C-alpha atoms as a PDB file:
ATOM      1  CA  MET A   1      -7.672  -3.410 -21.439  1.00  0.00           C
ATOM      2  CA  HIS A   2      -4.178  -1.988 -20.986  1.00  0.00           C
ATOM      3  CA  ALA A   3      -1.724  -2.734 -23.794  1.00  0.00           C
ATOM      4  CA  LEU A   4       0.951  -4.285 -21.561  1.00  0.00           C
ATOM      5  CA  LYS A   5      -0.321  -7.090 -19.366  1.00  0.00           C
ATOM      6  CA  ARG A   6       1.638  -7.220 -16.131  1.00  0.00           C
ATOM      7  CA  THR A   7       1.791  -9.463 -13.067  1.00  0.00           C
ATOM      8  CA  ILE A   8       1.243  -7.253 -10.043  1.00  0.00           C
ATOM      9  CA  LEU A   9       1.421  -8.097  -6.348  1.00  0.00           C
ATOM     10  CA  VAL A  10      -1.029  -6.155  -4.153  1.00  0.00           C
ATOM     11  CA  THR A  11      -0.914  -6.314  -0.360  1.00  0.00           C
ATOM     12  CA  GLY A  12      -3.992  -5.599   1.714  1.00  0.00           C
ATOM     13  CA  ALA A  13      -6.197  -6.690  -1.185  1.00  0.00           C
ATOM     14  CA  SER A  14      -9.209  -7.664   0.928  1.00  0.00           C
ATOM     15  CA  SER A  15     -10.698  -4.219   1.561  1.00  0.00           C
ATOM     16  CA  GLY A  16     -10.383  -0.466   1.233  1.00  0.00           C
ATOM     17  CA  ILE A  17      -7.610   0.894  -0.965  1.00  0.00           C
ATOM     18  CA  GLY A  18      -6.084  -2.522  -1.655  1.00  0.00           C
ATOM     19  CA  LEU A  19      -9.390  -3.926  -2.879  1.00  0.00           C
ATOM     20  CA  ALA A  20     -10.019  -0.896  -5.106  1.00  0.00           C
ATOM     21  CA  VAL A  21      -6.503  -1.090  -6.556  1.00  0.00           C
ATOM     22  CA  ALA A  22      -6.720  -4.826  -7.227  1.00  0.00           C
ATOM     23  CA  GLU A  23     -10.105  -4.534  -8.919  1.00  0.00           C
ATOM     24  CA  LYS A  24      -8.979  -1.610 -11.076  1.00  0.00           C
ATOM     25  CA  LEU A  25      -5.890  -3.557 -12.210  1.00  0.00           C
ATOM     26  CA  LEU A  26      -7.968  -6.625 -13.028  1.00  0.00           C
ATOM     27  CA  GLN A  27     -10.352  -4.505 -15.068  1.00  0.00           C
ATOM     28  CA  GLN A  28      -7.348  -3.335 -17.087  1.00  0.00           C
ATOM     29  CA  GLY A  29      -6.401  -6.925 -17.875  1.00  0.00           C
ATOM     30  CA  HIS A  30      -3.457  -7.393 -15.515  1.00  0.00           C
ATOM     31  CA  THR A  31      -2.811 -10.508 -13.433  1.00  0.00           C
ATOM     32  CA  VAL A  32      -3.125  -9.644  -9.741  1.00  0.00           C
ATOM     33  CA  LEU A  33      -1.663 -11.607  -6.850  1.00  0.00           C
ATOM     34  CA  GLY A  34      -3.666 -10.400  -3.872  1.00  0.00           C
ATOM     35  CA  ILE A  35      -2.279 -10.793  -0.365  1.00  0.00           C
ATOM     36  CA  ALA A  36      -4.532 -10.542   2.673  1.00  0.00           C
ATOM     37  CA  ARG A  37      -5.277 -12.422   5.870  1.00  0.00           C
ATOM     38  CA  ARG A  38      -8.896 -12.850   4.755  1.00  0.00           C
ATOM     39  CA  LEU A  39      -9.647 -12.488   1.053  1.00  0.00           C
ATOM     40  CA  ASN A  40     -12.625 -10.749  -0.512  1.00  0.00           C
ATOM     41  CA  GLN A  41     -14.931 -12.881  -2.645  1.00  0.00           C
ATOM     42  CA  ILE A  42     -15.442  -9.993  -5.091  1.00  0.00           C
ATOM     43  CA  LEU A  43     -11.999 -10.551  -6.591  1.00  0.00           C
ATOM     44  CA  VAL A  44     -12.302 -14.331  -6.843  1.00  0.00           C
ATOM     45  CA  GLU A  45     -14.745 -13.787  -9.710  1.00  0.00           C
ATOM     46  CA  TYR A  46     -11.848 -12.565 -11.886  1.00  0.00           C
ATOM     47  CA  SER A  47      -9.936 -15.317 -13.701  1.00  0.00           C
ATOM     48  CA  ASP A  48      -6.670 -13.349 -13.470  1.00  0.00           C
ATOM     49  CA  PHE A  49      -6.844 -12.956  -9.700  1.00  0.00           C
ATOM     50  CA  VAL A  50      -4.654 -15.181  -7.518  1.00  0.00           C
ATOM     51  CA  PRO A  51      -5.684 -15.097  -3.837  1.00  0.00           C
ATOM     52  CA  ILE A  52      -2.867 -15.477  -1.316  1.00  0.00           C
ATOM     53  CA  ALA A  53      -3.677 -15.800   2.380  1.00  0.00           C
ATOM     54  CA  MET A  54      -0.773 -14.329   4.336  1.00  0.00           C
ATOM     55  CA  ASP A  55      -0.242 -12.471   7.609  1.00  0.00           C
ATOM     56  CA  LEU A  56       2.376  -9.780   6.989  1.00  0.00           C
ATOM     57  CA  THR A  57       3.120  -9.388  10.697  1.00  0.00           C
ATOM     58  CA  GLN A  58       4.651 -12.882  10.847  1.00  0.00           C
ATOM     59  CA  LEU A  59       8.118 -11.743   9.888  1.00  0.00           C
ATOM     60  CA  ASP A  60       9.739 -15.079  10.750  1.00  0.00           C
ATOM     61  CA  VAL A  61       8.059 -16.732   7.740  1.00  0.00           C
ATOM     62  CA  LEU A  62       7.283 -13.715   5.548  1.00  0.00           C
ATOM     63  CA  THR A  63      10.482 -13.669   3.498  1.00  0.00           C
ATOM     64  CA  LYS A  64      10.297 -17.416   2.821  1.00  0.00           C
ATOM     65  CA  LYS A  65       6.696 -17.110   1.596  1.00  0.00           C
ATOM     66  CA  ILE A  66       7.496 -14.133  -0.624  1.00  0.00           C
ATOM     67  CA  LYS A  67      10.459 -15.971  -2.168  1.00  0.00           C
ATOM     68  CA  GLU A  68       8.213 -18.981  -2.853  1.00  0.00           C
ATOM     69  CA  LEU A  69       5.682 -16.659  -4.449  1.00  0.00           C
ATOM     70  CA  GLN A  70       8.362 -15.155  -6.660  1.00  0.00           C
ATOM     71  CA  LEU A  71       9.457 -18.612  -7.825  1.00  0.00           C
ATOM     72  CA  ALA A  72       5.864 -19.571  -8.600  1.00  0.00           C
ATOM     73  CA  TYR A  73       5.199 -16.295 -10.456  1.00  0.00           C
ATOM     74  CA  PRO A  74       8.509 -15.123 -11.954  1.00  0.00           C
ATOM     75  CA  THR A  75       6.700 -12.535 -14.095  1.00  0.00           C
ATOM     76  CA  ILE A  76       5.951 -10.308 -11.084  1.00  0.00           C
ATOM     77  CA  ASP A  77       7.074  -6.847 -12.169  1.00  0.00           C
ATOM     78  CA  ALA A  78       5.202  -4.514  -9.823  1.00  0.00           C
ATOM     79  CA  VAL A  79       4.167  -4.363  -6.181  1.00  0.00           C
ATOM     80  CA  ILE A  80       1.495  -2.113  -4.689  1.00  0.00           C
ATOM     81  CA  PHE A  81       1.864  -1.893  -0.907  1.00  0.00           C
ATOM     82  CA  CYS A  82      -1.623  -1.159   0.466  1.00  0.00           C
ATOM     83  CA  ALA A  83      -1.667  -3.127   3.725  1.00  0.00           C
ATOM     84  CA  GLY A  84      -1.721  -1.074   6.906  1.00  0.00           C
ATOM     85  CA  LYS A  85      -3.752  -0.036   9.902  1.00  0.00           C
ATOM     86  CA  GLY A  86      -4.301   2.977  12.116  1.00  0.00           C
ATOM     87  CA  GLN A  87      -3.989   3.251  15.890  1.00  0.00           C
ATOM     88  CA  PHE A  88      -4.058   6.580  17.649  1.00  0.00           C
ATOM     89  CA  GLY A  89      -3.517   7.855  21.175  1.00  0.00           C
ATOM     90  CA  ALA A  90      -0.795   9.069  23.494  1.00  0.00           C
ATOM     91  CA  ILE A  91       2.272   6.867  23.293  1.00  0.00           C
ATOM     92  CA  GLU A  92       1.922   5.741  26.924  1.00  0.00           C
ATOM     93  CA  GLN A  93      -1.474   4.276  26.077  1.00  0.00           C
ATOM     94  CA  PHE A  94       0.108   1.678  23.786  1.00  0.00           C
ATOM     95  CA  SER A  95       1.422  -1.654  24.952  1.00  0.00           C
ATOM     96  CA  TYR A  96       4.848  -2.687  23.704  1.00  0.00           C
ATOM     97  CA  GLU A  97       3.146  -5.409  21.668  1.00  0.00           C
ATOM     98  CA  GLN A  98       0.894  -2.825  19.995  1.00  0.00           C
ATOM     99  CA  ILE A  99       3.903  -0.658  19.175  1.00  0.00           C
ATOM    100  CA  ASP A 100       5.709  -3.584  17.566  1.00  0.00           C
ATOM    101  CA  GLY A 101       2.584  -4.728  15.717  1.00  0.00           C
ATOM    102  CA  LEU A 102       1.810  -1.350  14.165  1.00  0.00           C
ATOM    103  CA  MET A 103       5.378  -0.667  13.088  1.00  0.00           C
ATOM    104  CA  THR A 104       5.682  -4.193  11.680  1.00  0.00           C
ATOM    105  CA  LEU A 105       2.566  -3.977   9.528  1.00  0.00           C
ATOM    106  CA  ASN A 106       2.916  -0.358   8.396  1.00  0.00           C
ATOM    107  CA  PHE A 107       6.666  -0.363   7.810  1.00  0.00           C
ATOM    108  CA  THR A 108       8.914  -3.337   8.582  1.00  0.00           C
ATOM    109  CA  SER A 109       6.932  -5.933   6.605  1.00  0.00           C
ATOM    110  CA  GLN A 110       7.090  -3.688   3.544  1.00  0.00           C
ATOM    111  CA  VAL A 111      10.856  -3.441   3.856  1.00  0.00           C
ATOM    112  CA  HIS A 112      11.114  -7.250   4.098  1.00  0.00           C
ATOM    113  CA  ILE A 113       8.984  -7.762   0.986  1.00  0.00           C
ATOM    114  CA  THR A 114      10.997  -5.148  -0.906  1.00  0.00           C
ATOM    115  CA  LYS A 115      14.312  -6.747   0.039  1.00  0.00           C
ATOM    116  CA  ALA A 116      13.076 -10.186  -1.029  1.00  0.00           C
ATOM    117  CA  LEU A 117      11.798  -9.075  -4.437  1.00  0.00           C
ATOM    118  CA  LEU A 118      14.193  -6.275  -5.381  1.00  0.00           C
ATOM    119  CA  PRO A 119      17.109  -8.268  -6.872  1.00  0.00           C
ATOM    120  CA  ASP A 120      14.794  -9.898  -9.429  1.00  0.00           C
ATOM    121  CA  LEU A 121      12.908  -6.664 -10.112  1.00  0.00           C
ATOM    122  CA  LYS A 122      16.184  -4.936 -10.924  1.00  0.00           C
ATOM    123  CA  ARG A 123      16.826  -7.479 -13.662  1.00  0.00           C
ATOM    124  CA  LYS A 124      13.567  -6.709 -15.445  1.00  0.00           C
ATOM    125  CA  SER A 125      13.170  -4.183 -18.253  1.00  0.00           C
ATOM    126  CA  GLN A 126      10.424  -2.404 -16.326  1.00  0.00           C
ATOM    127  CA  SER A 127       9.225  -2.679 -12.729  1.00  0.00           C
ATOM    128  CA  ASP A 128       7.382  -0.566 -10.190  1.00  0.00           C
ATOM    129  CA  LEU A 129       7.229  -0.345  -6.413  1.00  0.00           C
ATOM    130  CA  ILE A 130       4.290   1.799  -5.277  1.00  0.00           C
ATOM    131  CA  TYR A 131       3.753   2.426  -1.571  1.00  0.00           C
ATOM    132  CA  ILE A 132       0.558   3.796  -0.050  1.00  0.00           C
ATOM    133  CA  GLY A 133       1.662   6.235   2.621  1.00  0.00           C
ATOM    134  CA  SER A 134      -0.468   8.845   4.340  1.00  0.00           C
ATOM    135  CA  GLU A 135      -0.786  12.544   4.959  1.00  0.00           C
ATOM    136  CA  ALA A 136       0.480  11.523   8.412  1.00  0.00           C
ATOM    137  CA  ALA A 137       3.913  11.191   6.766  1.00  0.00           C
ATOM    138  CA  LEU A 138       3.930  14.926   6.048  1.00  0.00           C
ATOM    139  CA  LYS A 139       3.245  16.402   9.490  1.00  0.00           C
ATOM    140  CA  GLY A 140       3.061  15.029  13.003  1.00  0.00           C
ATOM    141  CA  SER A 141      -0.316  15.293  14.712  1.00  0.00           C
ATOM    142  CA  ARG A 142      -1.719  15.011  18.223  1.00  0.00           C
ATOM    143  CA  ASN A 143      -2.296  11.404  19.323  1.00  0.00           C
ATOM    144  CA  GLY A 144      -0.566  10.267  16.143  1.00  0.00           C
ATOM    145  CA  ALA A 145       2.999   9.771  17.390  1.00  0.00           C
ATOM    146  CA  LEU A 146       3.150   6.060  16.596  1.00  0.00           C
ATOM    147  CA  TYR A 147       1.104   6.102  13.389  1.00  0.00           C
ATOM    148  CA  CYS A 148       2.973   9.153  12.074  1.00  0.00           C
ATOM    149  CA  ALA A 149       6.276   7.477  12.936  1.00  0.00           C
ATOM    150  CA  SER A 150       5.353   4.431  10.845  1.00  0.00           C
ATOM    151  CA  LYS A 151       4.410   6.595   7.869  1.00  0.00           C
ATOM    152  CA  PHE A 152       7.379   8.963   8.237  1.00  0.00           C
ATOM    153  CA  ALA A 153       9.609   5.864   8.236  1.00  0.00           C
ATOM    154  CA  LEU A 154       7.965   4.588   5.064  1.00  0.00           C
ATOM    155  CA  ARG A 155       8.386   7.946   3.367  1.00  0.00           C
ATOM    156  CA  GLY A 156      12.071   8.147   4.262  1.00  0.00           C
ATOM    157  CA  PHE A 157      12.547   4.571   3.091  1.00  0.00           C
ATOM    158  CA  THR A 158      10.981   5.232  -0.314  1.00  0.00           C
ATOM    159  CA  GLN A 159      12.990   8.411  -0.821  1.00  0.00           C
ATOM    160  CA  ALA A 160      16.260   6.600  -0.134  1.00  0.00           C
ATOM    161  CA  LEU A 161      15.206   3.501  -2.098  1.00  0.00           C
ATOM    162  CA  ARG A 162      14.421   5.686  -5.101  1.00  0.00           C
ATOM    163  CA  GLU A 163      18.008   6.968  -5.033  1.00  0.00           C
ATOM    164  CA  ASP A 164      19.368   3.431  -4.644  1.00  0.00           C
ATOM    165  CA  CYS A 165      17.368   2.254  -7.658  1.00  0.00           C
ATOM    166  CA  GLY A 166      18.299   5.265  -9.768  1.00  0.00           C
ATOM    167  CA  LYS A 167      20.512   3.285 -12.172  1.00  0.00           C
ATOM    168  CA  SER A 168      18.026   0.446 -12.639  1.00  0.00           C
ATOM    169  CA  ASN A 169      14.620   0.212 -14.292  1.00  0.00           C
ATOM    170  CA  VAL A 170      12.857   0.025 -10.920  1.00  0.00           C
ATOM    171  CA  ARG A 171      10.582   3.017 -10.318  1.00  0.00           C
ATOM    172  CA  VAL A 172       9.738   3.839  -6.691  1.00  0.00           C
ATOM    173  CA  SER A 173       6.671   5.944  -5.946  1.00  0.00           C
ATOM    174  CA  LEU A 174       4.777   7.010  -2.826  1.00  0.00           C
ATOM    175  CA  ILE A 175       1.118   8.038  -2.652  1.00  0.00           C
ATOM    176  CA  ASN A 176       0.021   9.944   0.462  1.00  0.00           C
ATOM    177  CA  PRO A 177      -3.763  10.109   0.810  1.00  0.00           C
ATOM    178  CA  GLY A 178      -5.647  12.045   3.443  1.00  0.00           C
ATOM    179  CA  MET A 179      -8.748  10.520   5.038  1.00  0.00           C
ATOM    180  CA  VAL A 180     -10.111   7.772   2.797  1.00  0.00           C
ATOM    181  CA  LYS A 181     -13.618   6.429   3.359  1.00  0.00           C
ATOM    182  CA  THR A 182     -12.714   2.793   4.128  1.00  0.00           C
ATOM    183  CA  PRO A 183     -12.990   0.227   6.964  1.00  0.00           C
ATOM    184  CA  PHE A 184      -9.735   1.815   8.235  1.00  0.00           C
ATOM    185  CA  PHE A 185     -11.957   3.877  10.554  1.00  0.00           C
ATOM    186  CA  ASP A 186     -14.122   0.998  11.813  1.00  0.00           C
ATOM    187  CA  GLU A 187     -12.137   0.540  15.019  1.00  0.00           C
ATOM    188  CA  LEU A 188     -11.185   4.196  15.510  1.00  0.00           C
ATOM    189  CA  SER A 189     -12.961   6.831  17.608  1.00  0.00           C
ATOM    190  CA  PHE A 190     -13.214   9.270  14.705  1.00  0.00           C
ATOM    191  CA  GLU A 191     -14.028   9.237  11.002  1.00  0.00           C
ATOM    192  CA  PRO A 192     -14.368  11.656   8.060  1.00  0.00           C
ATOM    193  CA  GLY A 193     -17.323  14.016   7.978  1.00  0.00           C
ATOM    194  CA  ASP A 194     -20.468  12.968   6.152  1.00  0.00           C
ATOM    195  CA  HIS A 195     -20.167  15.251   3.121  1.00  0.00           C
ATOM    196  CA  ILE A 196     -18.602  13.821  -0.031  1.00  0.00           C
ATOM    197  CA  THR A 197     -15.919  16.538   0.066  1.00  0.00           C
ATOM    198  CA  ASN A 198     -14.754  15.436   3.545  1.00  0.00           C
ATOM    199  CA  SER A 199     -13.017  12.257   2.409  1.00  0.00           C
ATOM    200  CA  ILE A 200     -11.269  10.570  -0.485  1.00  0.00           C
ATOM    201  CA  ALA A 201     -12.792   7.523  -2.180  1.00  0.00           C
ATOM    202  CA  SER A 202     -10.743   4.332  -2.475  1.00  0.00           C
ATOM    203  CA  ASP A 203     -11.179   4.565  -6.238  1.00  0.00           C
ATOM    204  CA  ASP A 204      -9.469   7.975  -6.209  1.00  0.00           C
ATOM    205  CA  VAL A 205      -6.345   6.387  -4.716  1.00  0.00           C
ATOM    206  CA  ALA A 206      -6.610   3.477  -7.138  1.00  0.00           C
ATOM    207  CA  GLU A 207      -6.723   5.936 -10.046  1.00  0.00           C
ATOM    208  CA  ALA A 208      -3.512   7.521  -8.752  1.00  0.00           C
ATOM    209  CA  VAL A 209      -1.880   4.085  -8.715  1.00  0.00           C
ATOM    210  CA  ILE A 210      -2.994   3.474 -12.311  1.00  0.00           C
ATOM    211  CA  TYR A 211      -1.627   6.873 -13.299  1.00  0.00           C
ATOM    212  CA  VAL A 212       1.789   5.994 -11.876  1.00  0.00           C
ATOM    213  CA  LEU A 213       1.843   2.556 -13.525  1.00  0.00           C
ATOM    214  CA  ASN A 214       0.779   3.903 -16.906  1.00  0.00           C
ATOM    215  CA  SER A 215       3.161   6.867 -16.932  1.00  0.00           C
ATOM    216  CA  SER A 216       6.040   6.992 -19.375  1.00  0.00           C
ATOM    217  CA  THR A 217       8.843   4.581 -18.506  1.00  0.00           C
ATOM    218  CA  ASN A 218      11.264   7.476 -18.892  1.00  0.00           C
ATOM    219  CA  ILE A 219       9.994   9.240 -15.756  1.00  0.00           C
ATOM    220  CA  VAL A 220       9.497   8.480 -12.070  1.00  0.00           C
ATOM    221  CA  ILE A 221       6.568   9.985 -10.207  1.00  0.00           C
ATOM    222  CA  ASP A 222       8.244  10.438  -6.864  1.00  0.00           C
ATOM    223  CA  GLU A 223       5.304  11.336  -4.658  1.00  0.00           C
ATOM    224  CA  ILE A 224       1.614  12.185  -4.900  1.00  0.00           C
ATOM    225  CA  ASN A 225      -0.335  13.851  -2.092  1.00  0.00           C
ATOM    226  CA  LEU A 226      -4.130  13.513  -2.155  1.00  0.00           C
ATOM    227  CA  SER A 227      -6.373  15.547   0.152  1.00  0.00           C
ATOM    228  CA  PRO A 228     -10.131  15.872   0.607  1.00  0.00           C
ATOM    229  CA  LEU A 229     -11.476  19.161  -0.700  1.00  0.00           C
ATOM    230  CA  ASN A 230     -12.715  20.026   2.801  1.00  0.00           C
ATOM    231  CA  LYS A 231     -10.895  18.383   5.694  1.00  0.00           C
ATOM    232  CA  VAL A 232     -13.578  17.618   8.246  1.00  0.00           C
ATOM    233  CA  PHE A 233     -13.716  14.741  10.730  1.00  0.00           C
ATOM    234  CA  LYS A 234     -16.145  13.809  13.457  1.00  0.00           C
ATOM    235  CA  PHE A 235     -15.937  11.812  16.649  1.00  0.00           C
ATOM    236  CA  LYS A 236     -18.145   8.770  16.978  1.00  0.00           C
ATOM    237  CA  THR A 237     -20.752   8.775  19.723  1.00  0.00           C
END
């Protein structure tokens, strides 16, 4: 168990990276508020897990729900932003609704949550905002115009937010993983190769989150890039 028990909000806690992060935090003795549209029963077994059903794309009610959550749990002192999805293809293949939906989930909703929580976080003696980005935030790729745009936007946002929070106790960090073996690829036409070195495990990303949280309060870990040892992907048949 970690020495300092914290109350940590985790988005996308139902699967993949979010699930791994939430479980790792619970194992360390923290209280985890897990946001997802559909929640995973694995986490319900933990007494310190608070399930919160919420659709982050519903921006018209998102801020109100986050403010209510903050009032109910005033000890929230960290947020791990894991929610997101991938859609790939030439930009003309996307509908306008798909464009709005992807940008909302991967970027805009995270800005709304940050804005809602930040004033209170700035008043705390220690707080962390950790965003799960992507290697797609580092370099544009074919058929990735929209997805890369959402992750580039998130990266620029965190860089600027870090400067804005420089005189407070709010630490802002970004973790950019390469291909992670998760349900992220279930609806995509490609996936990582079969060898263990072709992808990153969700637990590897969760360990990076723990490293950031447990680092000295006197430093900020600006950005971490994680890559598979051998970058190989395959198309599904």
